[in-house]
Each structure stands twice: as C-alpha cells, then as structure tokens.
Amino acid sequence: MRGITIPKTIRRDTERYLIIEETNGGFRATIAKTNSREKEIRILKTFEVKEIKKLKKLFYFKFDKVVLALDSQTVATVQDVFGIATSSRMEAITDSELENLVFKALWEFLNKYRNWAAKKLNVSDAGIILNDVQVRGVKLDSHRLFNPAGFKGGEITFTLKGTFITRQLYSDIADLSAMGKISIIEKNAALVSFLEDDRELLVSIGEERTDVFLKDGEREIFKEELNWGVRRLKEKVSEEFGVDYETAERLIGVYSQGLTSEAVGRRFKRIIAEGFGDLLRLVNVRGKKFTFYFESSVLPTEILLRDVKTNVCRFDEELTRRNLRITKSKRVKFDLFQNQGTATLLIYSYVDERYEFLNAMLERRAGWLVSHF
C-alpha cells in the first residue's frame, strides 16, 4: 500500500488527528482535521488495515494526536471518584500539598482497579500496566474547582480516568509512537461520558456480541459482555424465509427501504421485536435507563430509527447542540449515524485542558507509575 498523503494547510487553530478503532478482524483508521475556531471537524480519509503495525509504514508525517480505541477484551478504561482528606480545614492548600493529595488519589485508583483490570483482561497483576490516567474533575468539599491551590476545605475529591493495558500490548504498539502522541482508550468509553442521566447503561451492540457499560454518577465502567449480536437477527431472517445469510442481508436492506409487502413487513417487525426482546432479557434492564449504540452496520439506519422502540444513541444530535459540525472531503464515505463512536473520539478531550495544571502535577509525581508512549 502506498503512503497516505493529506492536505498540508494546518494552521495554529487546527489539529491533525488519527483515530484507529478496532473492528471485527482488523482496524478502521480515520484521518481528520479539527478546527477549534470554526468548530469544524473535517474527515480527510478513512481506510481499513488488517494489522495495526502496518500503519506506521503509511505516514510520512506526525499527527497532533493519535487515539487507539481498542476492544473491551484488549484494554480497560475506568473512571471513578476518590475523596482525600486535607491536612487542615482551616489552612489554604499549598501546591506541594495538592501534589501529595492527587498522588494519594492515584494510589487509591490503582488499589481499587488494578486487580479488576487484570481479571477483565485475563492476565496476572504483573502482566498489566496503567498506560494513562487523567484528572477529569475536582471538588473541594462541595465546590467544583479547576485548581484548588489557595483554597480551604476538609476534603478534596478527584475524578480520575485511566486505561489499563497488558505489557504485551504495550510492547506490540510501542513503535507507533513515531506517528505522534498516542492515547489509548477502551472503545465506547468516550461515548459513556455523553450519556444524559446520572445512572444509565450503554448497550453497545456489535455483530457477534454486546458490551454493556455503566454510568453511575461520575463513575464509568465496563459492566459485562453478552453473547448476542445483530447477526442473530440476520439468522432469524434466514430461518423465517428459508434463505442463506447473504440473501437475508439483502432482504433486510429491501425492508429498510419500505419495498416489501405489508405482510412481509409485519414478519420483519416481529423478528426485530423478538430479537431485541431476547437481548433486553439478557441485559436485565428492569428499572434502569439504557441507550442502544450500534457498532455493527448490519441493520440499516432506517430500521434502527423506525423499528427499535427504545433509546438509540444520537450523538449526531449532540453535535448540533454543541454547535459542532463534521464535514468530509470529496470521495470520503462517512455516515455520521453509523459512525457515532468515531465522532465521539474526534471531539472527546482525552486530556481536559482545564485540568492541565493538576495533570502536570500528577505526571511529575507518578510518571514512574504510568507507562506513556
């Protein structure tokens, strides 16, 4: 494959992103240019590769940011809140004390989630490392602050978000750092942050399986993996009409365009209702709010918006509310509804600049604990 070239007109208010998302049997890459002044994200190129290592040979330049969004079986991203008592409620917090406090919060983060991440990724504690951790929020008592230094309070609460990876993965992708600063995140962990309710489930549906994530206040975490994917619906269509899988997929497309008879349409509606009924029983969503997100493209957009009678992730609408727009270069195929995960990764600030001061402190004190690319 020849090297990738993109326009060189990158101004100071723009950044060049490379998003790499793990998919079934490979990786999907998206090159984009973000313009903070114009509030525009422009998709310059999309393509797929079988092996992530091959990406390094395709580029003759560095990116401002490279985001690896990997499978839940590969990495573990978690966010939680940790309260640390200050030395005195009556004295203002100094820079040195603040540095100690954020370091203590990191140790609590590691003590709580290191073993959990090792079990999730099926490795020993020694086989796992914290690749990145960032401050995502701060409260001094009940007051939100970006920098608590100089203020008084009895307890400081840090919201920390970090990603654990295996040592083997770190070794496999370390040479990709030549492409630019790399951030690793569990796929869909960015999307969870945009759920509206304080307690809600994100039900992320792929072709072969479904991953469930929990948002509980500031806590965001992978909950479980279910053996159900939209391939089940294709199988049901195949059985219902006595056709092979390829024909079943074409029939689904015909139905989505409203080109079937009324009788056949009713049979499709029943199949879809029964299929998602099976999924909801597995998720056990009784009394819980949940939102469906579809990683798989087996079901056309028309079916998802018309026939799936529940909350369906609409990050495309969130972009409008934020006065952001995603555009694309000529010949680039990018369906925003079907690629909402990519959109969140493009605008999601993996490092919130408002907490840059605290994150710099964290890196100074804990740099030896965190493996960076």
Protein backbone atom coordinates (compact mmCIF):
# COMPACT_ATOMS: atom_id res chain seq x y z
CA MET A 1 0.00 0.00 0.00
CA ARG A 2 1.31 3.45 -0.88
CA GLY A 3 1.91 6.08 1.76
CA ILE A 4 -1.01 8.25 2.89
CA THR A 5 -0.97 11.92 1.96
CA ILE A 6 -3.39 14.61 3.18
CA PRO A 7 -3.57 18.40 2.77
CA LYS A 8 -0.78 20.36 4.46
CA THR A 9 -2.78 23.50 5.22
CA ILE A 10 -2.71 23.06 9.02
CA ARG A 11 -2.97 26.37 10.91
CA ARG A 12 -2.34 27.04 14.59
CA ASP A 13 -6.01 26.64 15.49
CA THR A 14 -6.20 23.22 13.86
CA GLU A 15 -5.03 19.78 14.88
CA ARG A 16 -4.49 16.69 12.82
CA TYR A 17 -6.00 13.55 14.32
CA LEU A 18 -5.60 9.87 13.59
CA ILE A 19 -8.32 7.68 15.11
CA ILE A 20 -7.71 3.92 14.99
CA GLU A 21 -10.66 1.75 16.01
CA GLU A 22 -10.53 -1.99 16.48
CA THR A 23 -13.20 -3.75 14.41
CA ASN A 24 -14.07 -7.34 13.62
CA GLY A 25 -10.89 -8.84 12.25
CA GLY A 26 -8.99 -5.59 11.76
CA PHE A 27 -8.77 -1.84 12.35
CA ARG A 28 -10.53 1.19 10.88
CA ALA A 29 -8.48 4.37 10.58
CA THR A 30 -9.91 7.88 10.29
CA ILE A 31 -7.76 10.91 9.49
CA ALA A 32 -9.35 14.21 10.44
CA LYS A 33 -8.51 17.88 10.82
CA THR A 34 -10.12 19.73 13.73
CA ASN A 35 -10.59 23.49 13.62
CA SER A 36 -11.40 24.90 17.07
CA ARG A 37 -12.05 28.42 15.73
CA GLU A 38 -14.59 27.28 13.15
CA LYS A 39 -15.87 24.41 15.36
CA GLU A 40 -15.44 22.06 12.44
CA ILE A 41 -14.11 18.52 12.20
CA ARG A 42 -13.27 17.52 8.65
CA ILE A 43 -12.85 13.87 7.74
CA LEU A 44 -9.97 13.68 5.28
CA LYS A 45 -9.63 9.96 4.75
CA THR A 46 -10.87 6.62 6.04
CA PHE A 47 -9.46 3.19 5.37
CA GLU A 48 -9.02 -0.24 6.95
CA VAL A 49 -5.98 -2.34 7.75
CA LYS A 50 -5.68 -5.91 8.98
CA GLU A 51 -2.75 -5.31 11.31
CA ILE A 52 -2.16 -2.19 13.38
CA LYS A 53 1.62 -2.40 12.93
CA LYS A 54 1.22 -1.71 9.22
CA LEU A 55 0.02 1.82 9.96
CA LYS A 56 3.50 3.05 10.81
CA LYS A 57 4.68 2.47 7.22
CA LEU A 58 1.84 4.53 5.71
CA PHE A 59 2.62 8.00 7.03
CA TYR A 60 5.36 10.50 6.25
CA PHE A 61 4.38 12.96 9.00
CA LYS A 62 3.33 13.17 12.63
CA PHE A 63 -0.17 13.71 13.98
CA ASP A 64 -1.05 16.07 16.81
CA LYS A 65 -2.98 13.24 18.40
CA VAL A 66 -3.27 9.52 17.76
CA VAL A 67 -6.13 7.74 19.54
CA LEU A 68 -6.26 3.96 19.71
CA ALA A 69 -9.82 2.88 20.54
CA LEU A 70 -9.45 -0.80 21.32
CA ASP A 71 -11.77 -3.65 22.14
CA SER A 72 -13.07 -4.26 25.67
CA GLN A 73 -11.25 -7.60 25.64
CA THR A 74 -7.98 -5.76 24.94
CA VAL A 75 -7.94 -2.70 27.25
CA ALA A 76 -9.82 -1.46 30.31
CA THR A 77 -10.77 2.20 30.77
CA VAL A 78 -12.44 3.22 34.02
CA GLN A 79 -13.45 6.49 35.69
CA ASP A 80 -14.20 6.93 39.38
CA VAL A 81 -14.19 9.43 42.23
CA PHE A 82 -11.77 9.43 45.17
CA GLY A 83 -12.07 11.63 48.26
CA ILE A 84 -8.89 12.57 50.14
CA ALA A 85 -8.83 14.48 53.45
CA THR A 86 -6.77 17.68 53.52
CA SER A 87 -4.24 18.31 56.30
CA SER A 88 -6.37 21.09 57.77
CA ARG A 89 -9.78 22.57 57.04
CA MET A 90 -8.56 25.93 58.33
CA GLU A 91 -5.48 26.35 56.15
CA ALA A 92 -5.27 27.02 52.44
CA ILE A 93 -4.00 24.18 50.27
CA THR A 94 -0.46 24.73 49.03
CA ASP A 95 0.92 23.49 45.71
CA SER A 96 3.05 20.87 47.46
CA GLU A 97 0.09 19.56 49.47
CA LEU A 98 -2.07 19.47 46.34
CA GLU A 99 0.59 17.40 44.62
CA ASN A 100 0.54 14.93 47.51
CA LEU A 101 -3.25 14.77 47.51
CA VAL A 102 -3.56 13.97 43.81
CA PHE A 103 -0.83 11.32 44.21
CA LYS A 104 -2.79 9.70 47.06
CA ALA A 105 -5.88 9.64 44.83
CA LEU A 106 -3.88 7.85 42.15
CA TRP A 107 -2.79 5.18 44.64
CA GLU A 108 -6.43 4.63 45.61
CA PHE A 109 -7.31 4.34 41.93
CA LEU A 110 -4.62 1.71 41.44
CA ASN A 111 -5.55 -0.22 44.59
CA LYS A 112 -9.20 -0.34 43.56
CA TYR A 113 -8.92 -1.17 39.87
CA ARG A 114 -5.60 -2.85 39.12
CA ASN A 115 -6.81 -6.32 40.12
CA TRP A 116 -10.18 -5.70 38.45
CA ALA A 117 -8.47 -4.78 35.18
CA ALA A 118 -6.17 -7.83 35.36
CA LYS A 119 -9.15 -10.15 35.71
CA LYS A 120 -11.03 -8.37 32.93
CA LEU A 121 -8.08 -8.72 30.54
CA ASN A 122 -7.30 -12.24 31.73
CA VAL A 123 -3.70 -11.61 32.81
CA SER A 124 -1.84 -11.58 36.11
CA ASP A 125 -1.33 -8.38 38.09
CA ALA A 126 2.29 -8.39 36.91
CA GLY A 127 1.14 -8.53 33.29
CA ILE A 128 -0.81 -5.29 33.39
CA ILE A 129 0.22 -1.62 33.38
CA LEU A 130 -1.52 1.71 33.68
CA ASN A 131 -0.94 3.41 30.35
CA ASP A 132 -2.63 6.71 31.07
CA VAL A 133 -4.53 8.46 33.84
CA GLN A 134 -6.02 11.94 33.87
CA VAL A 135 -7.87 14.23 36.26
CA ARG A 136 -11.40 14.68 34.89
CA GLY A 137 -12.93 16.69 37.73
CA VAL A 138 -12.16 18.23 41.14
CA LYS A 139 -14.29 19.25 44.12
CA LEU A 140 -13.18 20.89 47.34
CA ASP A 141 -15.93 19.91 49.76
CA SER A 142 -18.97 20.62 47.53
CA HIS A 143 -17.38 23.23 45.27
CA ARG A 144 -16.09 22.43 41.78
CA LEU A 145 -12.68 23.89 41.05
CA PHE A 146 -10.09 23.61 38.31
CA ASN A 147 -7.20 24.41 40.67
CA PRO A 148 -7.83 24.06 44.44
CA ALA A 149 -4.47 25.57 45.43
CA GLY A 150 -5.02 28.58 47.70
CA PHE A 151 -8.48 27.47 48.84
CA LYS A 152 -9.60 25.96 52.18
CA GLY A 153 -11.59 22.77 52.70
CA GLY A 154 -11.76 19.49 54.59
CA GLU A 155 -11.87 17.04 51.70
CA ILE A 156 -10.77 17.20 48.09
CA THR A 157 -12.44 14.87 45.60
CA PHE A 158 -10.71 13.88 42.37
CA THR A 159 -12.40 12.25 39.39
CA LEU A 160 -9.76 10.12 37.70
CA LYS A 161 -9.98 8.31 34.37
CA GLY A 162 -7.36 5.79 33.38
CA THR A 163 -6.68 2.99 30.92
CA PHE A 164 -5.01 -0.31 31.77
CA ILE A 165 -3.32 -2.36 29.08
CA THR A 166 -1.27 -5.54 29.06
CA ARG A 167 2.50 -5.44 28.91
CA GLN A 168 2.31 -7.48 25.72
CA LEU A 169 0.12 -4.85 24.02
CA TYR A 170 2.48 -2.10 25.17
CA SER A 171 5.38 -3.94 23.58
CA ASP A 172 3.44 -4.61 20.36
CA ILE A 173 2.50 -0.99 19.67
CA ALA A 174 5.35 0.98 21.27
CA ASP A 175 6.96 1.75 17.91
CA LEU A 176 3.77 3.52 16.76
CA SER A 177 4.77 6.49 18.92
CA ALA A 178 6.72 7.71 15.89
CA MET A 179 3.33 8.76 14.43
CA GLY A 180 2.59 11.18 17.29
CA LYS A 181 1.37 11.33 20.89
CA ILE A 182 -0.72 8.21 21.47
CA SER A 183 -3.72 7.93 23.78
CA ILE A 184 -5.34 4.55 24.36
CA ILE A 185 -8.95 4.20 25.38
CA GLU A 186 -11.44 1.36 25.61
CA LYS A 187 -13.81 1.58 22.68
CA ASN A 188 -17.10 3.23 23.71
CA ALA A 189 -15.63 4.56 26.98
CA ALA A 190 -15.75 8.04 25.46
CA LEU A 191 -19.39 7.59 24.45
CA VAL A 192 -20.41 6.67 28.02
CA SER A 193 -19.34 10.12 29.18
CA PHE A 194 -22.04 11.70 27.00
CA LEU A 195 -24.99 9.75 28.46
CA GLU A 196 -27.54 12.19 29.85
CA ASP A 197 -28.65 10.53 33.11
CA ASP A 198 -26.57 10.10 36.26
CA ARG A 199 -27.37 6.37 36.26
CA GLU A 200 -27.66 4.79 32.83
CA LEU A 201 -26.48 1.79 30.81
CA LEU A 202 -24.88 1.96 27.39
CA VAL A 203 -25.72 -1.23 25.49
CA SER A 204 -23.16 -1.39 22.69
CA ILE A 205 -24.23 -3.92 20.07
CA GLY A 206 -21.78 -5.47 17.64
CA GLU A 207 -22.22 -8.17 15.03
CA GLU A 208 -21.21 -11.04 17.29
CA ARG A 209 -21.60 -9.75 20.86
CA THR A 210 -22.89 -6.91 23.04
CA ASP A 211 -20.86 -4.93 25.61
CA VAL A 212 -22.65 -3.17 28.47
CA PHE A 213 -21.20 -0.10 30.19
CA LEU A 214 -22.45 1.60 33.35
CA LYS A 215 -22.54 5.30 34.12
CA ASP A 216 -23.26 5.85 37.82
CA GLY A 217 -22.74 9.49 38.69
CA GLU A 218 -19.07 10.21 37.94
CA ARG A 219 -18.23 6.50 37.81
CA GLU A 220 -17.98 4.98 34.30
CA ILE A 221 -17.06 1.34 33.84
CA PHE A 222 -17.43 -1.74 31.66
CA LYS A 223 -20.11 -3.96 33.19
CA GLU A 224 -20.46 -7.17 31.17
CA GLU A 225 -20.20 -8.91 27.81
CA LEU A 226 -23.24 -10.68 26.34
CA ASN A 227 -23.31 -13.39 23.72
CA TRP A 228 -25.77 -11.55 21.47
CA GLY A 229 -25.13 -9.60 18.30
CA VAL A 230 -27.18 -8.33 15.37
CA ARG A 231 -26.04 -11.39 13.46
CA ARG A 232 -28.80 -13.13 15.45
CA LEU A 233 -31.36 -11.04 13.58
CA LYS A 234 -29.85 -12.00 10.23
CA GLU A 235 -30.03 -15.65 11.30
CA LYS A 236 -33.70 -15.25 12.23
CA VAL A 237 -34.47 -13.70 8.82
CA SER A 238 -32.62 -16.57 7.18
CA GLU A 239 -34.71 -19.11 9.09
CA GLU A 240 -38.00 -17.24 8.60
CA PHE A 241 -37.69 -17.02 4.82
CA GLY A 242 -35.56 -20.10 4.16
CA VAL A 243 -32.67 -18.23 2.53
CA ASP A 244 -28.90 -18.03 3.08
CA TYR A 245 -27.24 -15.27 5.14
CA GLU A 246 -26.24 -13.14 2.16
CA THR A 247 -29.80 -13.17 0.81
CA ALA A 248 -31.13 -12.45 4.32
CA GLU A 249 -28.95 -9.35 4.49
CA ARG A 250 -30.24 -8.16 1.13
CA LEU A 251 -33.83 -8.74 2.30
CA ILE A 252 -33.15 -6.62 5.39
CA GLY A 253 -31.99 -3.82 3.07
CA VAL A 254 -35.13 -4.14 0.95
CA TYR A 255 -37.31 -3.98 4.07
CA SER A 256 -35.47 -0.93 5.41
CA GLN A 257 -36.35 0.94 2.21
CA GLY A 258 -40.05 0.11 2.64
CA LEU A 259 -40.16 -2.02 -0.51
CA THR A 260 -41.71 -5.18 0.98
CA SER A 261 -45.38 -6.05 1.10
CA GLU A 262 -47.41 -5.29 4.21
CA ALA A 263 -47.50 -8.97 5.19
CA VAL A 264 -43.72 -9.39 4.83
CA GLY A 265 -43.20 -6.13 6.69
CA ARG A 266 -45.16 -7.50 9.66
CA ARG A 267 -42.94 -10.58 9.73
CA PHE A 268 -39.84 -8.37 9.80
CA LYS A 269 -41.26 -6.26 12.65
CA ARG A 270 -41.94 -9.43 14.66
CA ILE A 271 -38.40 -10.74 14.08
CA ILE A 272 -36.86 -7.44 15.21
CA ALA A 273 -39.13 -7.15 18.26
CA GLU A 274 -38.41 -10.74 19.34
CA GLY A 275 -34.67 -10.33 18.78
CA PHE A 276 -34.33 -7.20 20.88
CA GLY A 277 -36.65 -8.70 23.49
CA ASP A 278 -34.13 -11.53 23.86
CA LEU A 279 -31.31 -9.02 24.25
CA LEU A 280 -33.10 -6.96 26.90
CA ARG A 281 -33.75 -10.07 28.96
CA LEU A 282 -30.01 -10.76 28.90
CA VAL A 283 -29.17 -7.19 29.91
CA ASN A 284 -31.79 -7.28 32.70
CA VAL A 285 -32.65 -3.61 32.31
CA ARG A 286 -35.68 -3.69 34.57
CA GLY A 287 -35.95 -0.32 36.30
CA LYS A 288 -32.83 1.03 34.60
CA LYS A 289 -32.49 3.60 31.86
CA PHE A 290 -30.46 2.38 28.92
CA THR A 291 -29.37 3.54 25.49
CA PHE A 292 -28.58 1.33 22.50
CA TYR A 293 -25.45 2.02 20.49
CA PHE A 294 -24.92 0.04 17.30
CA GLU A 295 -21.33 -0.73 16.37
CA SER A 296 -22.49 -3.10 13.65
CA SER A 297 -23.69 -1.87 10.28
CA VAL A 298 -25.81 -4.98 9.56
CA LEU A 299 -29.01 -3.10 10.40
CA PRO A 300 -29.59 -0.04 8.18
CA THR A 301 -30.20 3.33 9.83
CA GLU A 302 -33.82 3.36 8.69
CA ILE A 303 -34.61 0.22 10.70
CA LEU A 304 -32.84 1.45 13.81
CA LEU A 305 -34.71 4.74 13.93
CA ARG A 306 -38.06 3.32 12.85
CA ASP A 307 -38.40 -0.12 14.44
CA VAL A 308 -36.16 -0.26 17.52
CA LYS A 309 -38.54 1.02 20.17
CA THR A 310 -36.08 2.30 22.74
CA ASN A 311 -33.43 4.98 23.23
CA VAL A 312 -30.94 4.84 20.37
CA CYS A 313 -27.68 6.76 20.69
CA ARG A 314 -27.93 10.04 18.75
CA PHE A 315 -24.57 11.69 19.18
CA ASP A 316 -25.15 13.35 15.83
CA GLU A 317 -27.81 15.43 17.59
CA GLU A 318 -25.39 16.20 20.44
CA LEU A 319 -23.00 17.69 17.90
CA THR A 320 -25.72 20.08 16.77
CA ARG A 321 -26.40 21.12 20.37
CA ARG A 322 -22.71 21.83 20.84
CA ASN A 323 -22.64 23.89 17.62
CA LEU A 324 -20.07 21.49 16.14
CA ARG A 325 -20.13 20.14 12.63
CA ILE A 326 -18.48 17.22 10.92
CA THR A 327 -17.72 17.63 7.24
CA LYS A 328 -15.87 15.35 4.84
CA SER A 329 -13.61 15.61 1.85
CA LYS A 330 -14.76 14.51 -1.58
CA ARG A 331 -14.89 10.74 -2.11
CA VAL A 332 -14.89 10.09 1.65
CA LYS A 333 -17.72 7.85 2.78
CA PHE A 334 -18.69 8.67 6.36
CA ASP A 335 -22.19 8.06 7.72
CA LEU A 336 -22.37 10.04 10.96
CA PHE A 337 -25.17 7.95 12.45
CA GLN A 338 -23.37 4.66 11.77
CA ASN A 339 -20.03 6.09 12.98
CA GLN A 340 -21.03 7.90 16.14
CA GLY A 341 -18.25 6.20 18.08
CA THR A 342 -15.71 7.75 15.72
CA ALA A 343 -17.35 11.15 16.15
CA THR A 344 -17.09 11.00 19.95
CA LEU A 345 -13.42 10.07 19.74
CA LEU A 346 -12.80 13.07 17.48
CA ILE A 347 -14.29 15.62 19.88
CA TYR A 348 -13.75 13.86 23.18
CA SER A 349 -10.94 15.60 25.04
CA TYR A 350 -8.85 12.73 26.32
CA VAL A 351 -6.91 15.29 28.37
CA ASP A 352 -9.15 18.11 29.62
CA GLU A 353 -7.09 21.29 29.25
CA ARG A 354 -8.88 22.87 32.22
CA TYR A 355 -7.04 20.39 34.48
CA GLU A 356 -3.68 20.74 32.75
CA PHE A 357 -2.11 22.12 35.94
CA LEU A 358 -3.22 19.12 38.02
CA ASN A 359 -2.29 16.61 35.33
CA ALA A 360 1.19 18.11 35.15
CA MET A 361 1.48 17.58 38.92
CA LEU A 362 0.26 14.02 38.54
CA GLU A 363 2.81 13.31 35.84
CA ARG A 364 5.65 14.71 37.93
CA ARG A 365 4.79 12.60 40.96
CA ALA A 366 3.54 9.47 39.21
CA GLY A 367 5.46 9.39 35.95
CA TRP A 368 7.32 6.27 37.10
CA LEU A 369 3.98 4.51 37.71
CA VAL A 370 2.42 5.26 34.33
CA SER A 371 3.73 3.96 31.02
CA HIS A 372 3.43 6.62 28.31
CA PHE A 373 4.06 6.39 24.59
